[in-house]
């Protein structure tokens, strides 16, 4: 928990034990934490230098009050971050002015290799101050579903995430589960019939466009700085976003006890609503059945029941009725 303040796990462990005791010597701490004496002594020395621990007249050690000691460190870190943010704004403006007169070749950076692409993928997101936008398509080469750790952190910090998913991607293993998780975190997700490219945009300052590669070739991506081409990517995303189908977490609600009524119910169950939501994104019957752990026969039987409830003669009529009557 205190890693953000520059403390190692050993430092935090020693301070944690001391905070729960009036005082203790290094031998007691070593026994309590099952750490070698030199490691405990080194941690105590560092903690004393930080003002988190003080020595007592009888040669033991005591923790400084957390509210005072840690509060001071947190305030210092906040001030340092504010200073860094001011420096970032100044440097970004200087960089923008410098880039304005540079050649096109200097506005585009080609990144090659899986690790390099992963690094830039995370770096571009963390550069965003207000919004990150994605086009998600298959195949997943550098970053697989569930591996984007930056998303949860940035959403929690107030950065808006808008994601457009290629319809075919929803049939990939684990993608629906990750989509539901993203929706719960506050990510806005829509589905498009097809997407022309993969894309990551950070505000209107940076863009990352992974390159299509043949099997066996080194993955690559193009990093775009603020320029006309990035403006075109911005316009493309907004155009696709306006016409994509929005997903909501309510459409993916977990099955409840109402599902026990099965097909005899006169209203769609929670499972029925999930089926409809997935079908409306364009997934095949088999893909929906796989995602929901149903047999294809069970899925189609439930759909037939829904068509009977709606008085629909076709899937298209069922979709129209479902949307109009808020079945999804």
C-alpha atoms as a PDB file:
ATOM      1  CA  UNK A   1       0.000   0.000   0.000  1.00  0.00           C
ATOM      2  CA  UNK A   2       2.873   2.373   0.727  1.00  0.00           C
ATOM      3  CA  UNK A   3       4.840   1.634  -2.418  1.00  0.00           C
ATOM      4  CA  UNK A   4       3.606   4.930  -3.909  1.00  0.00           C
ATOM      5  CA  UNK A   5       5.523   6.696  -1.135  1.00  0.00           C
ATOM      6  CA  UNK A   6       8.757   4.977  -2.078  1.00  0.00           C
ATOM      7  CA  UNK A   7       8.674   2.290   0.600  1.00  0.00           C
ATOM      8  CA  UNK A   8       9.593  -1.296  -0.177  1.00  0.00           C
ATOM      9  CA  UNK A   9       7.463  -4.239   1.049  1.00  0.00           C
ATOM     10  CA  UNK A  10      10.064  -4.850   3.799  1.00  0.00           C
ATOM     11  CA  UNK A  11       9.891  -1.226   4.956  1.00  0.00           C
ATOM     12  CA  UNK A  12       6.103  -1.346   4.995  1.00  0.00           C
ATOM     13  CA  UNK A  13       6.088  -4.639   6.914  1.00  0.00           C
ATOM     14  CA  UNK A  14       8.450  -3.320   9.597  1.00  0.00           C
ATOM     15  CA  UNK A  15       6.521  -0.082   9.978  1.00  0.00           C
ATOM     16  CA  UNK A  16       3.223  -2.007  10.098  1.00  0.00           C
ATOM     17  CA  UNK A  17       4.411  -4.168  13.001  1.00  0.00           C
ATOM     18  CA  UNK A  18       5.758  -1.178  14.897  1.00  0.00           C
ATOM     19  CA  UNK A  19       2.543   0.767  14.354  1.00  0.00           C
ATOM     20  CA  UNK A  20       0.688  -1.959  16.252  1.00  0.00           C
ATOM     21  CA  UNK A  21       3.068  -1.978  19.217  1.00  0.00           C
ATOM     22  CA  UNK A  22       4.271   0.585  21.720  1.00  0.00           C
ATOM     23  CA  UNK A  23       7.867  -0.264  20.837  1.00  0.00           C
ATOM     24  CA  UNK A  24      10.080  -3.210  19.859  1.00  0.00           C
ATOM     25  CA  UNK A  25      13.714  -4.039  19.237  1.00  0.00           C
ATOM     26  CA  UNK A  26      15.168  -5.345  15.982  1.00  0.00           C
ATOM     27  CA  UNK A  27      15.264  -8.945  17.230  1.00  0.00           C
ATOM     28  CA  UNK A  28      11.526  -8.899  18.025  1.00  0.00           C
ATOM     29  CA  UNK A  29      10.783  -7.451  14.610  1.00  0.00           C
ATOM     30  CA  UNK A  30      12.949 -10.069  12.926  1.00  0.00           C
ATOM     31  CA  UNK A  31      11.050 -12.852  14.733  1.00  0.00           C
ATOM     32  CA  UNK A  32       7.633 -11.335  14.032  1.00  0.00           C
ATOM     33  CA  UNK A  33       8.309 -10.864  10.318  1.00  0.00           C
ATOM     34  CA  UNK A  34      10.525 -13.917   9.748  1.00  0.00           C
ATOM     35  CA  UNK A  35      13.123 -11.656   8.162  1.00  0.00           C
ATOM     36  CA  UNK A  36      16.903 -11.823   8.656  1.00  0.00           C
ATOM     37  CA  UNK A  37      18.287  -9.317  11.153  1.00  0.00           C
ATOM     38  CA  UNK A  38      20.352  -7.368   8.546  1.00  0.00           C
ATOM     39  CA  UNK A  39      17.225  -6.795   6.441  1.00  0.00           C
ATOM     40  CA  UNK A  40      15.273  -5.526   9.443  1.00  0.00           C
ATOM     41  CA  UNK A  41      18.124  -3.248  10.516  1.00  0.00           C
ATOM     42  CA  UNK A  42      18.419  -1.820   6.999  1.00  0.00           C
ATOM     43  CA  UNK A  43      14.666  -1.185   6.916  1.00  0.00           C
ATOM     44  CA  UNK A  44      14.765   0.512  10.313  1.00  0.00           C
ATOM     45  CA  UNK A  45      17.600   2.751   9.167  1.00  0.00           C
ATOM     46  CA  UNK A  46      15.641   3.841   6.090  1.00  0.00           C
ATOM     47  CA  UNK A  47      12.439   4.343   8.071  1.00  0.00           C
ATOM     48  CA  UNK A  48      14.266   6.519  10.581  1.00  0.00           C
ATOM     49  CA  UNK A  49      15.714   8.602   7.741  1.00  0.00           C
ATOM     50  CA  UNK A  50      12.161   9.114   6.442  1.00  0.00           C
ATOM     51  CA  UNK A  51      10.890  10.128   9.852  1.00  0.00           C
ATOM     52  CA  UNK A  52       8.583   7.130  10.139  1.00  0.00           C
ATOM     53  CA  UNK A  53      10.436   5.462  13.022  1.00  0.00           C
ATOM     54  CA  UNK A  54      12.316   6.838  16.015  1.00  0.00           C
ATOM     55  CA  UNK A  55      14.647   5.177  18.490  1.00  0.00           C
ATOM     56  CA  UNK A  56      13.797   5.061  22.187  1.00  0.00           C
ATOM     57  CA  UNK A  57      16.198   5.757  25.089  1.00  0.00           C
ATOM     58  CA  UNK A  58      16.375   2.046  25.913  1.00  0.00           C
ATOM     59  CA  UNK A  59      17.555   1.095  22.420  1.00  0.00           C
ATOM     60  CA  UNK A  60      14.228  -0.014  20.979  1.00  0.00           C
ATOM     61  CA  UNK A  61      12.188   1.476  18.162  1.00  0.00           C
ATOM     62  CA  UNK A  62       8.731   3.061  17.935  1.00  0.00           C
ATOM     63  CA  UNK A  63       6.584   4.122  14.990  1.00  0.00           C
ATOM     64  CA  UNK A  64       5.908   7.814  14.462  1.00  0.00           C
ATOM     65  CA  UNK A  65       2.128   8.560  14.394  1.00  0.00           C
ATOM     66  CA  UNK A  66       0.919   7.509  10.895  1.00  0.00           C
ATOM     67  CA  UNK A  67      -1.344  10.546  10.435  1.00  0.00           C
ATOM     68  CA  UNK A  68       1.621  12.833  11.039  1.00  0.00           C
ATOM     69  CA  UNK A  69       4.471  10.924   9.383  1.00  0.00           C
ATOM     70  CA  UNK A  70       2.633   9.434   6.394  1.00  0.00           C
ATOM     71  CA  UNK A  71       0.486  12.528   5.987  1.00  0.00           C
ATOM     72  CA  UNK A  72       3.612  14.614   5.573  1.00  0.00           C
ATOM     73  CA  UNK A  73       5.032  12.218   2.974  1.00  0.00           C
ATOM     74  CA  UNK A  74       1.751  12.190   1.052  1.00  0.00           C
ATOM     75  CA  UNK A  75       1.657  16.004   1.030  1.00  0.00           C
ATOM     76  CA  UNK A  76       5.210  16.099  -0.311  1.00  0.00           C
ATOM     77  CA  UNK A  77       4.319  13.626  -3.063  1.00  0.00           C
ATOM     78  CA  UNK A  78       1.236  15.640  -3.992  1.00  0.00           C
ATOM     79  CA  UNK A  79       3.306  18.797  -4.265  1.00  0.00           C
ATOM     80  CA  UNK A  80       5.890  16.971  -6.371  1.00  0.00           C
ATOM     81  CA  UNK A  81       3.144  15.670  -8.668  1.00  0.00           C
ATOM     82  CA  UNK A  82       1.657  19.152  -9.041  1.00  0.00           C
ATOM     83  CA  UNK A  83       5.082  20.467  -9.979  1.00  0.00           C
ATOM     84  CA  UNK A  84       5.499  17.627 -12.487  1.00  0.00           C
ATOM     85  CA  UNK A  85       2.076  18.383 -14.000  1.00  0.00           C
ATOM     86  CA  UNK A  86       3.027  22.028 -14.489  1.00  0.00           C
ATOM     87  CA  UNK A  87       6.266  20.935 -16.105  1.00  0.00           C
ATOM     88  CA  UNK A  88       4.324  18.530 -18.329  1.00  0.00           C
ATOM     89  CA  UNK A  89       2.075  21.316 -19.602  1.00  0.00           C
ATOM     90  CA  UNK A  90       5.066  23.534 -20.363  1.00  0.00           C
ATOM     91  CA  UNK A  91       7.038  20.770 -22.047  1.00  0.00           C
ATOM     92  CA  UNK A  92       4.016  19.596 -24.058  1.00  0.00           C
ATOM     93  CA  UNK A  93       3.462  23.093 -25.422  1.00  0.00           C
ATOM     94  CA  UNK A  94       7.132  23.475 -26.285  1.00  0.00           C
ATOM     95  CA  UNK A  95       7.038  20.080 -27.987  1.00  0.00           C
ATOM     96  CA  UNK A  96       3.901  21.044 -29.941  1.00  0.00           C
ATOM     97  CA  UNK A  97       5.541  24.230 -31.226  1.00  0.00           C
ATOM     98  CA  UNK A  98       8.693  22.351 -32.150  1.00  0.00           C
ATOM     99  CA  UNK A  99       6.762  19.640 -33.964  1.00  0.00           C
ATOM    100  CA  UNK A 100       4.761  22.158 -35.983  1.00  0.00           C
ATOM    101  CA  UNK A 101       7.673  22.906 -38.276  1.00  0.00           C
ATOM    102  CA  UNK A 102       9.109  19.425 -38.595  1.00  0.00           C
ATOM    103  CA  UNK A 103       8.969  17.023 -41.495  1.00  0.00           C
ATOM    104  CA  UNK A 104       6.260  14.381 -41.760  1.00  0.00           C
ATOM    105  CA  UNK A 105       8.828  11.664 -41.125  1.00  0.00           C
ATOM    106  CA  UNK A 106       9.472  13.208 -37.716  1.00  0.00           C
ATOM    107  CA  UNK A 107       5.767  13.220 -36.805  1.00  0.00           C
ATOM    108  CA  UNK A 108       5.446   9.470 -37.306  1.00  0.00           C
ATOM    109  CA  UNK A 109       7.339   6.872 -35.310  1.00  0.00           C
ATOM    110  CA  UNK A 110       7.414   3.226 -36.363  1.00  0.00           C
ATOM    111  CA  UNK A 111       7.533   0.787 -33.430  1.00  0.00           C
ATOM    112  CA  UNK A 112       8.500  -2.845 -33.986  1.00  0.00           C
ATOM    113  CA  UNK A 113       8.484  -5.882 -31.730  1.00  0.00           C
ATOM    114  CA  UNK A 114       5.899  -7.197 -29.271  1.00  0.00           C
ATOM    115  CA  UNK A 115       7.468  -5.613 -26.184  1.00  0.00           C
ATOM    116  CA  UNK A 116       7.941  -2.250 -27.892  1.00  0.00           C
ATOM    117  CA  UNK A 117       4.318  -2.201 -29.055  1.00  0.00           C
ATOM    118  CA  UNK A 118       3.078  -3.176 -25.570  1.00  0.00           C
ATOM    119  CA  UNK A 119       5.157  -0.403 -24.027  1.00  0.00           C
ATOM    120  CA  UNK A 120       3.816   2.215 -26.446  1.00  0.00           C
ATOM    121  CA  UNK A 121       0.274   0.871 -25.991  1.00  0.00           C
ATOM    122  CA  UNK A 122       0.436   1.545 -22.246  1.00  0.00           C
ATOM    123  CA  UNK A 123       2.399   4.776 -22.683  1.00  0.00           C
ATOM    124  CA  UNK A 124      -0.124   6.316 -25.079  1.00  0.00           C
ATOM    125  CA  UNK A 125      -2.990   5.595 -22.670  1.00  0.00           C
ATOM    126  CA  UNK A 126      -1.148   7.037 -19.680  1.00  0.00           C
ATOM    127  CA  UNK A 127      -0.460  10.207 -21.647  1.00  0.00           C
ATOM    128  CA  UNK A 128      -4.217  10.909 -21.844  1.00  0.00           C
ATOM    129  CA  UNK A 129      -5.575  13.593 -19.539  1.00  0.00           C
ATOM    130  CA  UNK A 130      -9.266  13.433 -20.480  1.00  0.00           C
ATOM    131  CA  UNK A 131     -10.075  10.587 -22.875  1.00  0.00           C
ATOM    132  CA  UNK A 132      -8.837   7.361 -24.456  1.00  0.00           C
ATOM    133  CA  UNK A 133     -10.527   5.893 -27.541  1.00  0.00           C
ATOM    134  CA  UNK A 134     -10.095   2.419 -29.032  1.00  0.00           C
ATOM    135  CA  UNK A 135     -10.896   0.383 -32.091  1.00  0.00           C
ATOM    136  CA  UNK A 136     -10.649  -3.287 -31.063  1.00  0.00           C
ATOM    137  CA  UNK A 137     -10.207  -5.885 -33.796  1.00  0.00           C
ATOM    138  CA  UNK A 138      -8.723  -9.369 -34.086  1.00  0.00           C
ATOM    139  CA  UNK A 139      -6.189 -10.892 -34.115  1.00  0.00           C
ATOM    140  CA  UNK A 140      -4.636  -9.963 -30.771  1.00  0.00           C
ATOM    141  CA  UNK A 141      -0.885  -9.903 -31.293  1.00  0.00           C
ATOM    142  CA  UNK A 142       0.765  -7.699 -28.680  1.00  0.00           C
ATOM    143  CA  UNK A 143      -2.001  -7.198 -26.093  1.00  0.00           C
ATOM    144  CA  UNK A 144      -4.557  -9.959 -25.473  1.00  0.00           C
ATOM    145  CA  UNK A 145      -7.997  -9.552 -23.806  1.00  0.00           C
ATOM    146  CA  UNK A 146      -7.649  -8.886 -20.098  1.00  0.00           C
ATOM    147  CA  UNK A 147      -4.044  -7.610 -20.327  1.00  0.00           C
ATOM    148  CA  UNK A 148      -4.744  -3.861 -20.450  1.00  0.00           C
ATOM    149  CA  UNK A 149      -4.028  -2.975 -16.823  1.00  0.00           C
ATOM    150  CA  UNK A 150      -3.932   0.765 -17.599  1.00  0.00           C
ATOM    151  CA  UNK A 151      -7.662   0.868 -18.346  1.00  0.00           C
ATOM    152  CA  UNK A 152      -8.936   0.296 -14.796  1.00  0.00           C
ATOM    153  CA  UNK A 153      -6.400   2.682 -13.281  1.00  0.00           C
ATOM    154  CA  UNK A 154      -7.154   5.530 -15.669  1.00  0.00           C
ATOM    155  CA  UNK A 155     -10.937   5.099 -15.493  1.00  0.00           C
ATOM    156  CA  UNK A 156     -10.662   5.285 -11.704  1.00  0.00           C
ATOM    157  CA  UNK A 157      -8.744   8.546 -12.135  1.00  0.00           C
ATOM    158  CA  UNK A 158     -11.565  10.043 -14.198  1.00  0.00           C
ATOM    159  CA  UNK A 159     -10.262   9.449 -17.730  1.00  0.00           C
ATOM    160  CA  UNK A 160     -13.126   8.673 -20.111  1.00  0.00           C
ATOM    161  CA  UNK A 161     -12.792   5.471 -22.141  1.00  0.00           C
ATOM    162  CA  UNK A 162     -14.754   4.919 -25.351  1.00  0.00           C
ATOM    163  CA  UNK A 163     -14.287   1.599 -27.125  1.00  0.00           C
ATOM    164  CA  UNK A 164     -15.653   0.337 -30.430  1.00  0.00           C
ATOM    165  CA  UNK A 165     -15.416  -3.439 -30.815  1.00  0.00           C
ATOM    166  CA  UNK A 166     -15.452  -5.231 -34.152  1.00  0.00           C
ATOM    167  CA  UNK A 167     -18.470  -7.540 -34.094  1.00  0.00           C
ATOM    168  CA  UNK A 168     -16.397 -10.603 -34.980  1.00  0.00           C
ATOM    169  CA  UNK A 169     -14.178 -10.020 -31.933  1.00  0.00           C
ATOM    170  CA  UNK A 170     -17.061 -10.809 -29.559  1.00  0.00           C
ATOM    171  CA  UNK A 171     -16.844 -14.427 -30.650  1.00  0.00           C
ATOM    172  CA  UNK A 172     -13.236 -14.651 -29.417  1.00  0.00           C
ATOM    173  CA  UNK A 173     -12.724 -16.529 -26.103  1.00  0.00           C
ATOM    174  CA  UNK A 174     -12.916 -14.258 -23.081  1.00  0.00           C
ATOM    175  CA  UNK A 175     -13.908 -11.102 -24.964  1.00  0.00           C
ATOM    176  CA  UNK A 176     -17.505 -10.945 -23.737  1.00  0.00           C
ATOM    177  CA  UNK A 177     -16.365 -11.438 -20.127  1.00  0.00           C
ATOM    178  CA  UNK A 178     -13.786  -8.663 -20.527  1.00  0.00           C
ATOM    179  CA  UNK A 179     -16.411  -6.412 -22.143  1.00  0.00           C
ATOM    180  CA  UNK A 180     -18.760  -6.919 -19.180  1.00  0.00           C
ATOM    181  CA  UNK A 181     -15.910  -6.139 -16.791  1.00  0.00           C
ATOM    182  CA  UNK A 182     -15.083  -2.950 -18.703  1.00  0.00           C
ATOM    183  CA  UNK A 183     -18.724  -1.844 -18.675  1.00  0.00           C
ATOM    184  CA  UNK A 184     -18.844  -2.325 -14.905  1.00  0.00           C
ATOM    185  CA  UNK A 185     -15.792  -0.088 -14.527  1.00  0.00           C
ATOM    186  CA  UNK A 186     -17.478   2.679 -16.496  1.00  0.00           C
ATOM    187  CA  UNK A 187     -16.020   2.136 -19.958  1.00  0.00           C
ATOM    188  CA  UNK A 188     -18.383   3.059 -22.807  1.00  0.00           C
ATOM    189  CA  UNK A 189     -18.536   0.225 -25.345  1.00  0.00           C
ATOM    190  CA  UNK A 190     -20.164   0.019 -28.773  1.00  0.00           C
ATOM    191  CA  UNK A 191     -20.139  -2.640 -31.476  1.00  0.00           C
ATOM    192  CA  UNK A 192     -19.533  -2.019 -35.174  1.00  0.00           C
ATOM    193  CA  UNK A 193     -20.217  -4.348 -38.081  1.00  0.00           C
ATOM    194  CA  UNK A 194     -16.529  -4.176 -39.006  1.00  0.00           C
ATOM    195  CA  UNK A 195     -13.555  -1.949 -38.307  1.00  0.00           C
ATOM    196  CA  UNK A 196     -10.874  -1.032 -40.857  1.00  0.00           C
ATOM    197  CA  UNK A 197      -7.962  -0.810 -38.414  1.00  0.00           C
ATOM    198  CA  UNK A 198      -6.870  -1.170 -34.823  1.00  0.00           C
ATOM    199  CA  UNK A 199      -6.527   2.207 -33.168  1.00  0.00           C
ATOM    200  CA  UNK A 200      -5.692   3.871 -29.841  1.00  0.00           C
ATOM    201  CA  UNK A 201      -6.159   7.620 -29.384  1.00  0.00           C
ATOM    202  CA  UNK A 202      -5.086   9.647 -26.352  1.00  0.00           C
ATOM    203  CA  UNK A 203      -7.024  12.924 -26.354  1.00  0.00           C
ATOM    204  CA  UNK A 204      -6.115  14.600 -29.663  1.00  0.00           C
ATOM    205  CA  UNK A 205      -2.377  14.441 -29.037  1.00  0.00           C
ATOM    206  CA  UNK A 206      -1.280  10.859 -29.712  1.00  0.00           C
ATOM    207  CA  UNK A 207      -2.444   7.887 -31.740  1.00  0.00           C
ATOM    208  CA  UNK A 208      -1.195   4.328 -32.072  1.00  0.00           C
ATOM    209  CA  UNK A 209      -2.112   2.288 -35.150  1.00  0.00           C
ATOM    210  CA  UNK A 210      -0.967  -1.365 -35.037  1.00  0.00           C
ATOM    211  CA  UNK A 211       0.146  -2.643 -38.411  1.00  0.00           C
ATOM    212  CA  UNK A 212      -1.259  -5.760 -40.062  1.00  0.00           C
ATOM    213  CA  UNK A 213       1.411  -8.444 -40.257  1.00  0.00           C
ATOM    214  CA  UNK A 214       1.710 -11.792 -41.940  1.00  0.00           C
ATOM    215  CA  UNK A 215       2.173 -14.944 -39.824  1.00  0.00           C
ATOM    216  CA  UNK A 216       5.739 -15.130 -38.552  1.00  0.00           C
ATOM    217  CA  UNK A 217       6.451 -11.431 -39.102  1.00  0.00           C
ATOM    218  CA  UNK A 218       7.488  -9.025 -36.347  1.00  0.00           C
ATOM    219  CA  UNK A 219       4.497  -7.060 -34.957  1.00  0.00           C
ATOM    220  CA  UNK A 220       4.648  -3.333 -35.490  1.00  0.00           C
ATOM    221  CA  UNK A 221       2.720  -0.123 -34.972  1.00  0.00           C
ATOM    222  CA  UNK A 222       2.786   3.505 -36.060  1.00  0.00           C
ATOM    223  CA  UNK A 223       2.819   6.203 -33.368  1.00  0.00           C
ATOM    224  CA  UNK A 224       1.227   9.433 -34.589  1.00  0.00           C
ATOM    225  CA  UNK A 225       1.934  12.780 -33.000  1.00  0.00           C
ATOM    226  CA  UNK A 226      -0.336  15.786 -33.328  1.00  0.00           C
ATOM    227  CA  UNK A 227      -0.661  16.248 -37.090  1.00  0.00           C
ATOM    228  CA  UNK A 228      -3.129  16.091 -39.976  1.00  0.00           C
ATOM    229  CA  UNK A 229      -3.097  12.299 -40.065  1.00  0.00           C
ATOM    230  CA  UNK A 230      -4.029  12.148 -36.373  1.00  0.00           C
ATOM    231  CA  UNK A 231      -6.899  14.543 -37.089  1.00  0.00           C
ATOM    232  CA  UNK A 232      -8.139  12.097 -39.735  1.00  0.00           C
ATOM    233  CA  UNK A 233      -8.013   9.233 -37.214  1.00  0.00           C
ATOM    234  CA  UNK A 234      -9.984  11.375 -34.750  1.00  0.00           C
ATOM    235  CA  UNK A 235     -12.686  12.031 -37.368  1.00  0.00           C
ATOM    236  CA  UNK A 236     -12.798   8.347 -38.353  1.00  0.00           C
ATOM    237  CA  UNK A 237     -13.348   7.246 -34.760  1.00  0.00           C
ATOM    238  CA  UNK A 238     -16.179   9.724 -34.190  1.00  0.00           C
ATOM    239  CA  UNK A 239     -17.903   8.681 -37.417  1.00  0.00           C
ATOM    240  CA  UNK A 240     -17.757   4.986 -36.503  1.00  0.00           C
ATOM    241  CA  UNK A 241     -18.805   5.725 -32.911  1.00  0.00           C
ATOM    242  CA  UNK A 242     -21.980   7.520 -34.007  1.00  0.00           C
ATOM    243  CA  UNK A 243     -23.151   4.533 -36.061  1.00  0.00           C
ATOM    244  CA  UNK A 244     -22.036   1.734 -33.711  1.00  0.00           C
ATOM    245  CA  UNK A 245     -24.456  -0.226 -31.502  1.00  0.00           C
ATOM    246  CA  UNK A 246     -24.155   0.760 -27.802  1.00  0.00           C
ATOM    247  CA  UNK A 247     -23.802  -1.912 -25.136  1.00  0.00           C
ATOM    248  CA  UNK A 248     -24.898  -1.471 -21.528  1.00  0.00           C
ATOM    249  CA  UNK A 249     -24.177  -3.492 -18.417  1.00  0.00           C
ATOM    250  CA  UNK A 250     -27.919  -3.955 -17.818  1.00  0.00           C
ATOM    251  CA  UNK A 251     -28.104  -5.988 -21.010  1.00  0.00           C
ATOM    252  CA  UNK A 252     -25.592  -8.451 -19.567  1.00  0.00           C
ATOM    253  CA  UNK A 253     -27.246  -8.951 -16.171  1.00  0.00           C
ATOM    254  CA  UNK A 254     -26.575 -12.222 -14.452  1.00  0.00           C
ATOM    255  CA  UNK A 255     -29.311 -14.887 -14.591  1.00  0.00           C
ATOM    256  CA  UNK A 256     -31.558 -14.739 -11.514  1.00  0.00           C
ATOM    257  CA  UNK A 257     -34.149 -16.921  -9.843  1.00  0.00           C
ATOM    258  CA  UNK A 258     -36.684 -15.776 -12.413  1.00  0.00           C
ATOM    259  CA  UNK A 259     -34.913 -18.072 -14.874  1.00  0.00           C
ATOM    260  CA  UNK A 260     -36.310 -20.987 -12.917  1.00  0.00           C
ATOM    261  CA  UNK A 261     -39.632 -20.308 -14.665  1.00  0.00           C
ATOM    262  CA  UNK A 262     -37.898 -21.103 -17.937  1.00  0.00           C
ATOM    263  CA  UNK A 263     -39.957 -20.933 -21.096  1.00  0.00           C
ATOM    264  CA  UNK A 264     -43.274 -20.890 -19.238  1.00  0.00           C
ATOM    265  CA  UNK A 265     -42.637 -17.272 -18.176  1.00  0.00           C
ATOM    266  CA  UNK A 266     -44.653 -14.601 -19.967  1.00  0.00           C
ATOM    267  CA  UNK A 267     -41.777 -12.124 -19.880  1.00  0.00           C
ATOM    268  CA  UNK A 268     -38.126 -12.507 -20.891  1.00  0.00           C
ATOM    269  CA  UNK A 269     -35.861 -13.771 -18.123  1.00  0.00           C
ATOM    270  CA  UNK A 270     -32.451 -12.258 -17.359  1.00  0.00           C
ATOM    271  CA  UNK A 271     -30.856 -15.014 -19.445  1.00  0.00           C
ATOM    272  CA  UNK A 272     -33.216 -14.241 -22.327  1.00  0.00           C
ATOM    273  CA  UNK A 273     -32.148 -10.612 -22.175  1.00  0.00           C
ATOM    274  CA  UNK A 274     -28.502 -11.613 -22.357  1.00  0.00           C
ATOM    275  CA  UNK A 275     -29.253 -13.805 -25.362  1.00  0.00           C
ATOM    276  CA  UNK A 276     -31.014 -10.938 -27.124  1.00  0.00           C
ATOM    277  CA  UNK A 277     -28.259  -8.468 -26.265  1.00  0.00           C
ATOM    278  CA  UNK A 278     -25.578 -10.725 -27.714  1.00  0.00           C
ATOM    279  CA  UNK A 279     -27.602 -11.546 -30.823  1.00  0.00           C
ATOM    280  CA  UNK A 280     -28.213  -7.851 -31.454  1.00  0.00           C
ATOM    281  CA  UNK A 281     -24.444  -7.328 -31.567  1.00  0.00           C
ATOM    282  CA  UNK A 282     -24.375  -9.741 -34.517  1.00  0.00           C
ATOM    283  CA  UNK A 283     -23.001 -12.909 -32.923  1.00  0.00           C
ATOM    284  CA  UNK A 284     -24.023 -16.227 -34.417  1.00  0.00           C
ATOM    285  CA  UNK A 285     -26.262 -18.612 -32.477  1.00  0.00           C
ATOM    286  CA  UNK A 286     -23.306 -20.901 -31.819  1.00  0.00           C
ATOM    287  CA  UNK A 287     -21.139 -18.023 -30.554  1.00  0.00           C
ATOM    288  CA  UNK A 288     -23.886 -16.849 -28.183  1.00  0.00           C
ATOM    289  CA  UNK A 289     -24.464 -20.382 -26.912  1.00  0.00           C
ATOM    290  CA  UNK A 290     -20.735 -20.787 -26.270  1.00  0.00           C
ATOM    291  CA  UNK A 291     -20.480 -17.481 -24.406  1.00  0.00           C
ATOM    292  CA  UNK A 292     -23.467 -18.335 -22.196  1.00  0.00           C
ATOM    293  CA  UNK A 293     -22.519 -21.985 -21.701  1.00  0.00           C
ATOM    294  CA  UNK A 294     -25.717 -23.238 -23.327  1.00  0.00           C
ATOM    295  CA  UNK A 295     -26.309 -25.937 -25.877  1.00  0.00           C
ATOM    296  CA  UNK A 296     -27.217 -24.682 -29.326  1.00  0.00           C
ATOM    297  CA  UNK A 297     -30.536 -26.513 -29.059  1.00  0.00           C
ATOM    298  CA  UNK A 298     -31.406 -24.811 -25.741  1.00  0.00           C
ATOM    299  CA  UNK A 299     -30.550 -21.396 -27.164  1.00  0.00           C
ATOM    300  CA  UNK A 300     -32.702 -21.873 -30.229  1.00  0.00           C
ATOM    301  CA  UNK A 301     -35.590 -23.194 -28.118  1.00  0.00           C
ATOM    302  CA  UNK A 302     -35.494 -20.063 -25.955  1.00  0.00           C
ATOM    303  CA  UNK A 303     -35.410 -17.892 -29.063  1.00  0.00           C
ATOM    304  CA  UNK A 304     -38.457 -19.688 -30.442  1.00  0.00           C
ATOM    305  CA  UNK A 305     -40.235 -18.985 -27.145  1.00  0.00           C
ATOM    306  CA  UNK A 306     -39.295 -15.294 -27.361  1.00  0.00           C
ATOM    307  CA  UNK A 307     -40.607 -15.097 -30.918  1.00  0.00           C
ATOM    308  CA  UNK A 308     -43.876 -16.601 -29.725  1.00  0.00           C
ATOM    309  CA  UNK A 309     -44.103 -14.035 -26.911  1.00  0.00           C
ATOM    310  CA  UNK A 310     -43.441 -11.210 -29.362  1.00  0.00           C
ATOM    311  CA  UNK A 311     -45.682 -12.627 -32.088  1.00  0.00           C
ATOM    312  CA  UNK A 312     -42.692 -12.385 -34.415  1.00  0.00           C
ATOM    313  CA  UNK A 313     -42.320 -14.395 -37.586  1.00  0.00           C
ATOM    314  CA  UNK A 314     -38.616 -13.684 -38.068  1.00  0.00           C
ATOM    315  CA  UNK A 315     -35.490 -12.778 -36.135  1.00  0.00           C
ATOM    316  CA  UNK A 316     -35.676  -9.256 -37.541  1.00  0.00           C
ATOM    317  CA  UNK A 317     -39.205  -8.804 -36.205  1.00  0.00           C
ATOM    318  CA  UNK A 318     -38.063 -10.164 -32.827  1.00  0.00           C
ATOM    319  CA  UNK A 319     -35.172  -7.683 -32.719  1.00  0.00           C
ATOM    320  CA  UNK A 320     -37.509  -4.785 -33.559  1.00  0.00           C
ATOM    321  CA  UNK A 321     -40.017  -5.869 -30.909  1.00  0.00           C
ATOM    322  CA  UNK A 322     -37.272  -6.410 -28.293  1.00  0.00           C
ATOM    323  CA  UNK A 323     -35.839  -2.918 -28.801  1.00  0.00           C
ATOM    324  CA  UNK A 324     -39.242  -1.256 -28.819  1.00  0.00           C
ATOM    325  CA  UNK A 325     -40.388  -3.001 -25.628  1.00  0.00           C
ATOM    326  CA  UNK A 326     -37.082  -2.614 -23.767  1.00  0.00           C
ATOM    327  CA  UNK A 327     -36.344  -6.329 -23.657  1.00  0.00           C
ATOM    328  CA  UNK A 328     -32.597  -5.588 -23.865  1.00  0.00           C
END
